[in-house]
Amino acid sequence: MKIVRNKYIPFPGYKAINLFGVLFVKNNAKIDGVTLNHEAIHSRQFVELMVLFAVATVFIRWWLPVFAPFAFYVWYIVEWLIRLLKKGNAYRNISFEREAYANQGDASYLNGRYWFNFLRYIR
């Protein structure tokens, strides 16, 4: 995962954000192994949904796979909007976040992780 340090991304109040598999970090933010593992889990989720969308849509229209990189973000926002209507912290209850937080301390987690494992965290 590529790490880009800068003063603009992410927005104030955040130290890092993973966009399209690239980790944008504030210049002065300290990033530890747990945070890197958390973001690496998100990168894997991103790739899985991108591949699934690209393969699924190539049979519908040849140009639809162009939107594949956005599949993760569409799912993320839709699930977040649904979680806003439910009890609890909407962000922490998103299946992507639940998987990442549950396994961020395990450096070897990605080695044995099954594809689409985040589906196990939907409740």
Protein backbone atom coordinates (compact mmCIF):
# COMPACT_ATOMS: atom_id res chain seq x y z
CA MET A 1 0.00 0.00 0.00
CA LYS A 2 1.39 3.36 -1.04
CA ILE A 3 1.53 6.06 1.66
CA VAL A 4 1.32 9.72 0.67
CA ARG A 5 2.05 12.32 3.35
CA ASN A 6 0.59 15.77 2.76
CA LYS A 7 -1.14 18.65 4.52
CA TYR A 8 -4.46 18.60 2.63
CA ILE A 9 -5.85 15.06 2.69
CA PRO A 10 -7.55 13.89 4.89
CA PHE A 11 -9.86 16.57 6.21
CA PRO A 12 -9.08 18.27 9.55
CA GLY A 13 -9.65 16.02 12.54
CA TYR A 14 -8.46 12.87 10.75
CA LYS A 15 -4.94 11.54 10.50
CA ALA A 16 -5.33 9.17 7.54
CA ILE A 17 -7.71 8.06 4.81
CA ASN A 18 -7.45 5.20 2.34
CA LEU A 19 -8.56 6.19 -1.16
CA PHE A 20 -8.34 3.62 -3.96
CA GLY A 21 -5.65 1.67 -2.09
CA VAL A 22 -3.46 4.72 -1.40
CA LEU A 23 -3.12 5.84 2.23
CA PHE A 24 -3.15 9.63 2.55
CA VAL A 25 -1.64 10.73 5.88
CA LYS A 26 -1.27 14.16 7.46
CA ASN A 27 2.38 15.28 7.49
CA ASN A 28 2.69 15.24 11.28
CA ALA A 29 0.53 12.17 12.01
CA LYS A 30 2.10 9.09 13.54
CA ILE A 31 0.95 5.88 11.86
CA ASP A 32 1.56 2.62 13.72
CA GLY A 33 1.37 -1.00 12.62
CA VAL A 34 -2.20 -1.39 13.84
CA THR A 35 -3.39 1.52 11.69
CA LEU A 36 -1.45 0.22 8.69
CA ASN A 37 -3.03 -3.22 9.11
CA HIS A 38 -6.51 -1.66 9.47
CA GLU A 39 -6.03 0.24 6.22
CA ALA A 40 -4.53 -2.80 4.47
CA ILE A 41 -7.73 -4.70 5.30
CA HIS A 42 -9.71 -1.89 3.64
CA SER A 43 -7.44 -2.08 0.59
CA ARG A 44 -8.20 -5.79 0.27
CA GLN A 45 -11.95 -5.14 0.60
CA PHE A 46 -11.66 -2.46 -2.09
CA VAL A 47 -9.93 -4.85 -4.51
CA GLU A 48 -12.47 -7.61 -3.89
CA LEU A 49 -15.45 -5.41 -4.69
CA MET A 50 -13.71 -3.87 -7.67
CA VAL A 51 -13.00 -7.29 -9.18
CA LEU A 52 -16.52 -8.56 -8.43
CA PHE A 53 -18.14 -5.50 -10.02
CA ALA A 54 -15.85 -5.58 -13.06
CA VAL A 55 -16.47 -9.27 -13.74
CA ALA A 56 -20.21 -9.05 -13.09
CA THR A 57 -20.79 -6.00 -15.26
CA VAL A 58 -18.70 -7.07 -18.25
CA PHE A 59 -21.57 -9.41 -19.16
CA ILE A 60 -24.12 -6.57 -19.02
CA ARG A 61 -22.32 -3.79 -20.89
CA TRP A 62 -18.69 -3.66 -21.93
CA TRP A 63 -18.19 -0.14 -20.49
CA LEU A 64 -19.65 -0.75 -17.00
CA PRO A 65 -16.36 -2.08 -15.52
CA VAL A 66 -15.12 1.54 -15.74
CA PHE A 67 -17.15 2.12 -12.56
CA ALA A 68 -15.60 -0.85 -10.71
CA PRO A 69 -13.22 1.29 -8.60
CA PHE A 70 -16.24 2.98 -7.04
CA ALA A 71 -18.05 -0.21 -5.95
CA PHE A 72 -16.43 -0.17 -2.49
CA TYR A 73 -17.38 3.45 -1.88
CA VAL A 74 -20.97 3.03 -3.09
CA TRP A 75 -21.43 0.01 -0.78
CA TYR A 76 -19.75 1.90 2.08
CA ILE A 77 -22.00 4.97 1.75
CA VAL A 78 -25.20 2.95 1.29
CA GLU A 79 -24.43 0.82 4.33
CA TRP A 80 -23.55 3.92 6.36
CA LEU A 81 -26.87 5.58 5.41
CA ILE A 82 -28.75 2.44 6.48
CA ARG A 83 -26.81 2.33 9.76
CA LEU A 84 -27.73 5.96 10.48
CA LEU A 85 -31.33 4.80 10.83
CA LYS A 86 -30.39 2.13 13.36
CA LYS A 87 -29.19 2.27 16.93
CA GLY A 88 -25.48 2.68 17.63
CA ASN A 89 -22.53 4.26 15.89
CA ALA A 90 -23.19 4.16 12.14
CA TYR A 91 -19.49 4.30 11.22
CA ARG A 92 -18.40 1.56 13.62
CA ASN A 93 -21.24 -0.75 12.52
CA ILE A 94 -20.38 -0.74 8.81
CA SER A 95 -19.31 -4.29 7.91
CA PHE A 96 -16.01 -3.07 6.40
CA GLU A 97 -15.14 -1.22 9.61
CA ARG A 98 -16.26 -4.05 11.86
CA GLU A 99 -13.93 -6.47 10.08
CA ALA A 100 -11.03 -4.00 10.05
CA TYR A 101 -11.36 -3.07 13.74
CA ALA A 102 -11.83 -6.69 14.82
CA ASN A 103 -8.62 -7.79 13.06
CA GLN A 104 -6.38 -4.72 12.97
CA GLY A 105 -4.15 -6.06 15.73
CA ASP A 106 -3.42 -9.33 13.92
CA ALA A 107 -0.54 -8.69 11.50
CA SER A 108 -1.03 -12.10 9.87
CA TYR A 109 -4.79 -11.71 9.34
CA LEU A 110 -4.59 -10.89 5.64
CA ASN A 111 -2.50 -14.00 4.94
CA GLY A 112 -5.37 -16.36 5.80
CA ARG A 113 -8.34 -14.12 5.10
CA TYR A 114 -11.05 -15.43 2.81
CA TRP A 115 -12.35 -13.27 -0.03
CA PHE A 116 -15.45 -11.23 0.93
CA ASN A 117 -14.91 -11.99 4.61
CA PHE A 118 -16.49 -8.63 5.47
CA LEU A 119 -19.87 -10.24 4.69
CA ARG A 120 -19.55 -12.17 7.94
CA TYR A 121 -19.66 -8.84 9.78
CA ILE A 122 -23.03 -7.70 8.42
CA ARG A 123 -25.65 -7.78 11.12
